[in-house]
Amino acid sequence: MFYNISLIWLIIRSFFHLYKQKGGNKLKKITIYIRDNCIHCHHAKSWLTENSVNFEEKNISSNKEYLEELETQKINGVPYTIWTDDTTNTNGAILGFNPMRFKKEFT
């Protein structure tokens, strides 16, 4: 019985790993806060787009509600990228543009 459960768990983990590799980030919900005329925001968005990462964009220059969301969290800079991983029930955040961290988290 234990052997069967272990085998099933291994198959499920392998499936999610392959699914994540093929789809990039289909198991993560990603949101990036940006503002107009921000070169780091532009680089972050470009990196996500070039690597086929799906994301929701929230521009604090054109929507004050998004700015208030950041202020509530005591975040004072952009780009600010947050995500929730449905497979592990975890979340994370990156303040600024860090290509190595983006690669680790989103590919």
C-alpha atoms as a PDB file:
ATOM      1  CA  MET A   1       0.000   0.000   0.000  1.00  0.00           C
ATOM      2  CA  PHE A   2       2.772   2.466   0.932  1.00  0.00           C
ATOM      3  CA  TYR A   3       4.514   1.706  -2.365  1.00  0.00           C
ATOM      4  CA  ASN A   4       1.373   2.616  -4.342  1.00  0.00           C
ATOM      5  CA  ILE A   5       0.895   5.919  -2.514  1.00  0.00           C
ATOM      6  CA  SER A   6       4.567   6.839  -3.011  1.00  0.00           C
ATOM      7  CA  LEU A   7       4.343   6.034  -6.700  1.00  0.00           C
ATOM      8  CA  ILE A   8       1.178   8.090  -7.119  1.00  0.00           C
ATOM      9  CA  TRP A   9       2.782  11.040  -5.296  1.00  0.00           C
ATOM     10  CA  LEU A  10       5.859  10.799  -7.537  1.00  0.00           C
ATOM     11  CA  ILE A  11       3.678  10.826 -10.665  1.00  0.00           C
ATOM     12  CA  ILE A  12       1.698  13.834  -9.434  1.00  0.00           C
ATOM     13  CA  ARG A  13       4.872  15.779  -8.582  1.00  0.00           C
ATOM     14  CA  SER A  14       6.375  14.949 -11.981  1.00  0.00           C
ATOM     15  CA  PHE A  15       3.203  16.093 -13.739  1.00  0.00           C
ATOM     16  CA  PHE A  16       3.234  19.459 -11.947  1.00  0.00           C
ATOM     17  CA  HIS A  17       6.942  19.889 -12.662  1.00  0.00           C
ATOM     18  CA  LEU A  18       6.439  19.248 -16.384  1.00  0.00           C
ATOM     19  CA  TYR A  19       3.316  21.416 -16.462  1.00  0.00           C
ATOM     20  CA  LYS A  20       5.188  24.267 -14.823  1.00  0.00           C
ATOM     21  CA  GLN A  21       8.128  23.906 -17.249  1.00  0.00           C
ATOM     22  CA  LYS A  22       5.929  23.912 -20.348  1.00  0.00           C
ATOM     23  CA  GLY A  23       3.659  26.724 -19.261  1.00  0.00           C
ATOM     24  CA  GLY A  24       6.233  28.873 -17.542  1.00  0.00           C
ATOM     25  CA  ASN A  25       4.110  30.091 -14.666  1.00  0.00           C
ATOM     26  CA  LYS A  26       0.615  28.702 -15.115  1.00  0.00           C
ATOM     27  CA  LEU A  27       0.584  27.664 -11.484  1.00  0.00           C
ATOM     28  CA  LYS A  28       1.560  31.134 -10.256  1.00  0.00           C
ATOM     29  CA  LYS A  29      -0.564  34.270 -10.229  1.00  0.00           C
ATOM     30  CA  ILE A  30       1.834  37.151 -10.810  1.00  0.00           C
ATOM     31  CA  THR A  31       1.149  40.862 -10.380  1.00  0.00           C
ATOM     32  CA  ILE A  32       3.631  43.631 -11.119  1.00  0.00           C
ATOM     33  CA  TYR A  33       3.206  47.184  -9.862  1.00  0.00           C
ATOM     34  CA  ILE A  34       4.803  49.776 -12.145  1.00  0.00           C
ATOM     35  CA  ARG A  35       4.744  53.501 -12.851  1.00  0.00           C
ATOM     36  CA  ASP A  36       5.202  55.568 -15.995  1.00  0.00           C
ATOM     37  CA  ASN A  37       8.752  56.529 -17.052  1.00  0.00           C
ATOM     38  CA  CYS A  38      10.388  53.879 -14.841  1.00  0.00           C
ATOM     39  CA  ILE A  39      13.249  52.149 -16.650  1.00  0.00           C
ATOM     40  CA  HIS A  40      13.418  49.283 -14.132  1.00  0.00           C
ATOM     41  CA  CYS A  41       9.675  48.716 -14.548  1.00  0.00           C
ATOM     42  CA  HIS A  42      10.181  48.576 -18.304  1.00  0.00           C
ATOM     43  CA  HIS A  43      12.997  46.019 -17.940  1.00  0.00           C
ATOM     44  CA  ALA A  44      10.947  43.873 -15.563  1.00  0.00           C
ATOM     45  CA  LYS A  45       7.906  43.849 -17.871  1.00  0.00           C
ATOM     46  CA  SER A  46      10.116  43.117 -20.890  1.00  0.00           C
ATOM     47  CA  TRP A  47      11.781  40.204 -19.110  1.00  0.00           C
ATOM     48  CA  LEU A  48       8.426  38.691 -18.133  1.00  0.00           C
ATOM     49  CA  THR A  49       7.042  39.114 -21.659  1.00  0.00           C
ATOM     50  CA  GLU A  50      10.169  37.739 -23.386  1.00  0.00           C
ATOM     51  CA  ASN A  51      10.074  34.682 -21.120  1.00  0.00           C
ATOM     52  CA  SER A  52       6.365  34.047 -21.773  1.00  0.00           C
ATOM     53  CA  VAL A  53       5.374  34.721 -18.179  1.00  0.00           C
ATOM     54  CA  ASN A  54       1.739  35.716 -17.740  1.00  0.00           C
ATOM     55  CA  PHE A  55       1.236  38.608 -15.371  1.00  0.00           C
ATOM     56  CA  GLU A  56      -1.205  41.304 -14.330  1.00  0.00           C
ATOM     57  CA  GLU A  57       0.074  44.867 -14.569  1.00  0.00           C
ATOM     58  CA  LYS A  58      -0.950  47.555 -12.086  1.00  0.00           C
ATOM     59  CA  ASN A  59       0.214  51.056 -13.062  1.00  0.00           C
ATOM     60  CA  ILE A  60       0.277  53.336 -10.032  1.00  0.00           C
ATOM     61  CA  SER A  61       0.616  56.421 -12.266  1.00  0.00           C
ATOM     62  CA  SER A  62      -2.792  55.915 -13.824  1.00  0.00           C
ATOM     63  CA  ASN A  63      -4.693  54.321 -10.938  1.00  0.00           C
ATOM     64  CA  LYS A  64      -4.415  55.753  -7.424  1.00  0.00           C
ATOM     65  CA  GLU A  65      -6.051  52.634  -5.938  1.00  0.00           C
ATOM     66  CA  TYR A  66      -2.952  50.656  -6.931  1.00  0.00           C
ATOM     67  CA  LEU A  67      -0.752  53.229  -5.199  1.00  0.00           C
ATOM     68  CA  GLU A  68      -2.876  52.896  -2.078  1.00  0.00           C
ATOM     69  CA  GLU A  69      -2.454  49.101  -2.216  1.00  0.00           C
ATOM     70  CA  LEU A  70       1.316  49.567  -2.099  1.00  0.00           C
ATOM     71  CA  GLU A  71       1.151  52.186   0.646  1.00  0.00           C
ATOM     72  CA  THR A  72      -1.003  49.855   2.753  1.00  0.00           C
ATOM     73  CA  GLN A  73       1.763  47.240   2.492  1.00  0.00           C
ATOM     74  CA  LYS A  74       4.392  49.923   3.281  1.00  0.00           C
ATOM     75  CA  ILE A  75       6.052  49.448  -0.129  1.00  0.00           C
ATOM     76  CA  ASN A  76       7.752  52.609  -1.366  1.00  0.00           C
ATOM     77  CA  GLY A  77       9.173  51.569  -4.725  1.00  0.00           C
ATOM     78  CA  VAL A  78       8.469  49.957  -8.059  1.00  0.00           C
ATOM     79  CA  PRO A  79       8.676  47.640  -9.843  1.00  0.00           C
ATOM     80  CA  TYR A  80       7.138  45.497  -7.176  1.00  0.00           C
ATOM     81  CA  THR A  81       6.334  41.954  -8.276  1.00  0.00           C
ATOM     82  CA  ILE A  82       4.202  39.641  -6.156  1.00  0.00           C
ATOM     83  CA  TRP A  83       3.002  36.111  -6.761  1.00  0.00           C
ATOM     84  CA  THR A  84       1.004  33.278  -5.294  1.00  0.00           C
ATOM     85  CA  ASP A  85       1.951  29.686  -6.087  1.00  0.00           C
ATOM     86  CA  ASP A  86      -1.145  27.480  -6.161  1.00  0.00           C
ATOM     87  CA  THR A  87       0.826  24.233  -5.948  1.00  0.00           C
ATOM     88  CA  THR A  88       2.634  25.074  -2.720  1.00  0.00           C
ATOM     89  CA  ASN A  89       0.204  27.620  -1.222  1.00  0.00           C
ATOM     90  CA  THR A  90       3.079  30.085  -0.875  1.00  0.00           C
ATOM     91  CA  ASN A  91       3.601  33.621  -2.022  1.00  0.00           C
ATOM     92  CA  GLY A  92       6.531  35.916  -2.555  1.00  0.00           C
ATOM     93  CA  ALA A  93       7.622  39.356  -3.631  1.00  0.00           C
ATOM     94  CA  ILE A  94      10.501  41.071  -5.392  1.00  0.00           C
ATOM     95  CA  LEU A  95      11.120  44.790  -5.032  1.00  0.00           C
ATOM     96  CA  GLY A  96      13.026  46.122  -8.033  1.00  0.00           C
ATOM     97  CA  PHE A  97      14.179  44.238 -11.106  1.00  0.00           C
ATOM     98  CA  ASN A  98      16.432  41.265 -10.404  1.00  0.00           C
ATOM     99  CA  PRO A  99      16.830  39.039 -13.499  1.00  0.00           C
ATOM    100  CA  MET A 100      18.426  36.174 -11.564  1.00  0.00           C
ATOM    101  CA  ARG A 101      15.594  36.109  -9.040  1.00  0.00           C
ATOM    102  CA  PHE A 102      13.005  36.401 -11.833  1.00  0.00           C
ATOM    103  CA  LYS A 103      14.593  33.411 -13.564  1.00  0.00           C
ATOM    104  CA  LYS A 104      14.584  31.384 -10.353  1.00  0.00           C
ATOM    105  CA  GLU A 105      10.962  32.155  -9.527  1.00  0.00           C
ATOM    106  CA  PHE A 106       9.280  32.278 -12.938  1.00  0.00           C
ATOM    107  CA  THR A 107      11.000  29.760 -15.229  1.00  0.00           C
END
